[in-house]
Amino acid sequence: MKKRIGLLPIGEEPDMYKRMTESICINEKEYDLVSVETEEILSTLDGIVIYVANQEKLEMMSWLIELEHQMPLFIWIVFSKPNEQIAQICYELCKHSVITIIDQPHQLSTMKYMIRNTMNYKQSTTERHCAEIKKNQYNFSLDANKMILVYEDSIIRLTRREFMLTSLLFEQMNNVVSYERLEEHLFGKTGSYYQARLANLVHLIREKLKVQNYLSIEIIRTKGYMLCTNE
């Protein structure tokens, strides 16, 4: 499966998307390059390249704050005018991701090699992790450090809240967990608004679980949700 790299130009430079695409690709079949237009797409990415025009720092920060709520990512930030103070803020905002600051234009030509090596490393560690799980004969495993669920040779990546939800359901395997308990666990509050957000999270996780047939989340109407093993 090809890796998905998001492209997010922030600021008015019409040719920047094209330049970023040309800088990343060693050949056109190497990655799926995805234009990042909404926050929902962030959870599907292996990495993201962000180009920041000098006057658009606040918009960049809002995206980084949103990324911090997602799964850990590899992030490459290209500045039109590098600034040491802004670079420090970037590192502070995304403490759970690996950030590389690109001094454009001096490093833009080498970015494709940075991305290729990073994706190769990620692939090799993923394969080793799957091999360890298989060797120990586990059906599945939750990894809190990487926020992933591993099943046989498949790795299911989860956002922070998706992992929190899956972990609690896992602790209560084959038992119903009430809406209220899940809402309190995830959001610290309960109510119809949070129940709707919970339902959306469950939907996203159920979509991700479709790659395997061992685990499923059942909806117990008027009560809550239950993580089941399909044996």
Protein backbone atom coordinates (compact mmCIF):
# COMPACT_ATOMS: atom_id res chain seq x y z
CA MET A 1 0.00 0.00 0.00
CA LYS A 2 1.35 3.42 -0.96
CA LYS A 3 1.97 5.96 1.78
CA ARG A 4 -0.32 8.98 1.96
CA ILE A 5 1.44 12.32 2.20
CA GLY A 6 -0.69 15.40 2.80
CA LEU A 7 0.13 18.73 1.17
CA LEU A 8 -0.98 21.90 2.94
CA PRO A 9 0.10 25.24 1.45
CA ILE A 10 -0.77 28.09 3.83
CA GLY A 11 -0.69 31.48 2.13
CA GLU A 12 -1.18 32.90 -1.33
CA GLU A 13 1.44 31.41 -3.60
CA PRO A 14 -0.34 29.82 -6.60
CA ASP A 15 2.60 27.73 -7.77
CA MET A 16 3.60 26.37 -4.34
CA TYR A 17 1.40 23.24 -4.50
CA LYS A 18 3.07 22.28 -7.79
CA ARG A 19 6.55 23.00 -6.42
CA MET A 20 5.86 20.95 -3.29
CA THR A 21 4.58 18.04 -5.42
CA GLU A 22 7.67 18.13 -7.63
CA SER A 23 9.96 18.32 -4.58
CA ILE A 24 8.38 15.31 -2.86
CA CYS A 25 8.04 12.83 -5.71
CA ILE A 26 10.98 10.74 -6.83
CA ASN A 27 8.53 9.08 -9.18
CA GLU A 28 4.78 9.44 -9.53
CA LYS A 29 4.03 5.98 -8.11
CA GLU A 30 5.88 6.46 -4.84
CA TYR A 31 3.19 8.19 -2.75
CA ASP A 32 -0.44 9.15 -2.81
CA LEU A 33 -0.25 12.93 -2.51
CA VAL A 34 -3.36 14.34 -0.86
CA SER A 35 -4.47 17.96 -0.77
CA VAL A 36 -5.37 18.79 2.85
CA GLU A 37 -8.53 20.88 2.81
CA THR A 38 -10.39 19.65 5.92
CA GLU A 39 -9.35 18.40 9.36
CA GLU A 40 -11.06 15.02 8.81
CA ILE A 41 -8.40 13.90 6.34
CA LEU A 42 -5.57 14.24 8.87
CA SER A 43 -6.24 10.86 10.48
CA THR A 44 -5.65 9.08 7.14
CA LEU A 45 -2.13 10.42 6.55
CA ASP A 46 1.33 8.95 7.10
CA GLY A 47 2.91 12.40 7.00
CA ILE A 48 2.17 15.98 6.03
CA VAL A 49 4.15 18.73 4.31
CA ILE A 50 3.11 22.25 5.32
CA TYR A 51 4.27 25.31 3.42
CA VAL A 52 3.88 28.54 5.42
CA ALA A 53 3.98 31.97 3.82
CA ASN A 54 5.56 34.50 6.16
CA GLN A 55 2.32 36.29 7.06
CA GLU A 56 0.27 33.16 7.81
CA LYS A 57 1.74 32.01 11.13
CA LEU A 58 -1.56 32.04 13.05
CA GLU A 59 -3.27 29.72 10.55
CA MET A 60 -0.28 27.39 10.73
CA MET A 61 -0.54 27.26 14.52
CA SER A 62 -4.23 26.35 14.39
CA TRP A 63 -3.42 23.42 12.08
CA LEU A 64 -0.61 22.25 14.37
CA ILE A 65 -2.93 22.36 17.38
CA GLU A 66 -5.41 20.18 15.47
CA LEU A 67 -2.61 17.80 14.46
CA GLU A 68 -1.71 17.34 18.12
CA HIS A 69 -5.18 15.85 18.69
CA GLN A 70 -4.60 13.33 15.91
CA MET A 71 -2.22 10.38 15.84
CA PRO A 72 1.54 11.08 15.91
CA LEU A 73 2.67 12.12 12.43
CA PHE A 74 5.80 12.99 10.52
CA ILE A 75 5.51 16.70 9.75
CA TRP A 76 7.69 18.71 7.39
CA ILE A 77 7.24 22.49 7.64
CA VAL A 78 8.58 24.68 4.86
CA PHE A 79 8.90 28.39 5.69
CA SER A 80 9.18 31.15 3.11
CA LYS A 81 11.23 33.05 5.70
CA PRO A 82 12.61 30.85 8.51
CA ASN A 83 12.36 32.21 12.03
CA GLU A 84 13.97 30.51 15.02
CA GLN A 85 11.24 31.63 17.44
CA ILE A 86 8.43 30.33 15.20
CA ALA A 87 10.31 27.05 14.71
CA GLN A 88 10.46 26.63 18.49
CA ILE A 89 6.70 27.22 18.74
CA CYS A 90 6.14 24.48 16.13
CA TYR A 91 8.11 21.96 18.20
CA GLU A 92 6.20 22.94 21.33
CA LEU A 93 2.77 22.63 19.70
CA CYS A 94 3.34 19.10 18.34
CA LYS A 95 5.17 17.27 21.12
CA HIS A 96 4.00 13.84 19.98
CA SER A 97 5.01 14.14 16.33
CA VAL A 98 8.34 14.26 14.52
CA ILE A 99 8.78 17.73 13.00
CA THR A 100 11.41 18.74 10.47
CA ILE A 101 11.83 22.43 9.61
CA ILE A 102 12.81 23.02 5.97
CA ASP A 103 14.80 26.14 5.10
CA GLN A 104 13.22 26.92 1.75
CA PRO A 105 14.73 27.21 -0.82
CA HIS A 106 18.04 25.71 0.38
CA GLN A 107 16.64 22.37 1.58
CA LEU A 108 13.57 21.99 -0.62
CA SER A 109 15.51 19.94 -3.17
CA THR A 110 16.48 17.37 -0.51
CA MET A 111 13.01 17.05 1.03
CA LYS A 112 12.06 14.07 -1.13
CA TYR A 113 14.97 12.11 0.31
CA MET A 114 13.98 13.04 3.87
CA ILE A 115 10.46 11.82 3.24
CA ARG A 116 11.56 8.64 1.46
CA ASN A 117 13.96 7.65 4.24
CA THR A 118 11.39 8.40 6.93
CA MET A 119 8.70 6.34 5.20
CA ASN A 120 11.14 3.45 4.68
CA TYR A 121 12.03 3.54 8.37
CA LYS A 122 8.37 3.61 9.35
CA GLN A 123 7.65 0.62 7.09
CA SER A 124 10.50 -1.44 8.54
CA THR A 125 9.48 -0.76 12.16
CA THR A 126 5.87 -1.62 11.30
CA GLU A 127 6.92 -4.94 9.79
CA ARG A 128 9.06 -5.79 12.82
CA HIS A 129 6.19 -4.94 15.16
CA CYS A 130 3.81 -7.20 13.20
CA ALA A 131 6.38 -10.00 13.28
CA GLU A 132 6.70 -9.74 17.07
CA ILE A 133 2.93 -9.90 17.51
CA LYS A 134 2.72 -12.92 15.22
CA LYS A 135 5.62 -14.67 16.97
CA ASN A 136 3.88 -14.31 20.31
CA GLN A 137 0.66 -15.69 18.80
CA TYR A 138 -1.48 -12.75 19.87
CA ASN A 139 -4.66 -12.18 17.89
CA PHE A 140 -4.39 -8.43 18.39
CA SER A 141 -2.60 -5.87 20.47
CA LEU A 142 -3.03 -2.21 21.47
CA ASP A 143 0.10 -0.08 21.48
CA ALA A 144 -0.41 3.08 23.55
CA ASN A 145 2.90 4.65 22.49
CA LYS A 146 2.11 4.46 18.78
CA MET A 147 -1.69 4.61 19.19
CA ILE A 148 -2.25 1.59 16.96
CA LEU A 149 -4.19 -1.63 17.03
CA VAL A 150 -2.26 -4.55 15.53
CA TYR A 151 -4.11 -7.55 14.15
CA GLU A 152 -2.05 -10.28 12.45
CA ASP A 153 -0.27 -8.40 9.63
CA SER A 154 -2.52 -5.35 9.77
CA ILE A 155 -1.90 -2.15 11.68
CA ILE A 156 -4.87 0.08 12.38
CA ARG A 157 -3.84 3.62 13.25
CA LEU A 158 -6.05 5.56 15.62
CA THR A 159 -6.35 9.18 16.65
CA ARG A 160 -5.94 10.00 20.33
CA ARG A 161 -9.65 9.96 21.09
CA GLU A 162 -10.21 6.86 18.94
CA PHE A 163 -7.48 5.11 20.94
CA MET A 164 -8.97 6.26 24.25
CA LEU A 165 -12.36 4.90 23.19
CA THR A 166 -10.98 1.60 21.87
CA SER A 167 -8.88 1.09 25.03
CA LEU A 168 -11.87 1.50 27.35
CA LEU A 169 -14.01 -0.82 25.25
CA PHE A 170 -11.14 -3.31 25.20
CA GLU A 171 -10.95 -3.26 29.00
CA GLN A 172 -14.65 -4.20 29.06
CA MET A 173 -14.46 -6.72 26.20
CA ASN A 174 -17.86 -8.29 25.44
CA ASN A 175 -19.54 -6.05 28.02
CA VAL A 176 -21.64 -2.96 27.35
CA VAL A 177 -20.07 0.38 28.26
CA SER A 178 -22.68 3.08 28.77
CA TYR A 179 -22.88 6.23 26.69
CA GLU A 180 -22.39 8.34 29.81
CA ARG A 181 -19.22 6.55 30.91
CA LEU A 182 -17.69 6.82 27.45
CA GLU A 183 -18.59 10.51 27.11
CA GLU A 184 -17.12 11.31 30.52
CA HIS A 185 -13.97 9.35 29.65
CA LEU A 186 -13.49 11.09 26.29
CA PHE A 187 -14.77 14.62 26.85
CA GLY A 188 -15.15 15.07 30.60
CA LYS A 189 -18.83 15.92 30.03
CA THR A 190 -22.07 14.21 29.04
CA GLY A 191 -25.15 15.20 27.06
CA SER A 192 -26.70 14.96 23.61
CA TYR A 193 -23.91 16.97 21.96
CA TYR A 194 -21.21 14.66 23.35
CA GLN A 195 -23.26 11.57 22.55
CA ALA A 196 -23.30 12.72 18.89
CA ARG A 197 -19.52 13.20 18.95
CA LEU A 198 -19.17 9.75 20.51
CA ALA A 199 -21.32 8.23 17.77
CA ASN A 200 -19.11 9.84 15.13
CA LEU A 201 -15.97 8.41 16.75
CA VAL A 202 -17.51 4.95 16.87
CA HIS A 203 -18.41 5.23 13.18
CA LEU A 204 -14.82 6.16 12.29
CA ILE A 205 -13.39 3.25 14.30
CA ARG A 206 -15.86 0.77 12.80
CA GLU A 207 -14.76 1.86 9.34
CA LYS A 208 -11.12 1.24 10.26
CA LEU A 209 -11.95 -2.19 11.74
CA LYS A 210 -13.26 -3.37 8.37
CA VAL A 211 -9.74 -4.51 7.41
CA GLN A 212 -10.14 -7.45 9.83
CA ASN A 213 -12.91 -9.81 10.96
CA TYR A 214 -11.90 -10.53 14.54
CA LEU A 215 -13.10 -7.42 16.37
CA SER A 216 -16.26 -5.38 15.99
CA ILE A 217 -18.08 -2.67 17.91
CA GLU A 218 -21.72 -3.42 18.55
CA ILE A 219 -24.31 -0.72 19.22
CA ILE A 220 -26.54 -1.61 22.15
CA ARG A 221 -29.48 0.72 21.69
CA THR A 222 -30.37 3.04 24.57
CA LYS A 223 -27.42 1.63 26.56
CA GLY A 224 -24.03 2.08 24.94
CA TYR A 225 -21.36 0.24 22.93
CA MET A 226 -19.58 -3.10 23.23
CA LEU A 227 -16.34 -4.37 21.71
CA CYS A 228 -16.84 -7.99 20.64
CA THR A 229 -14.65 -10.82 19.40
CA ASN A 230 -16.18 -12.58 16.42
CA GLU A 231 -15.18 -16.16 17.17
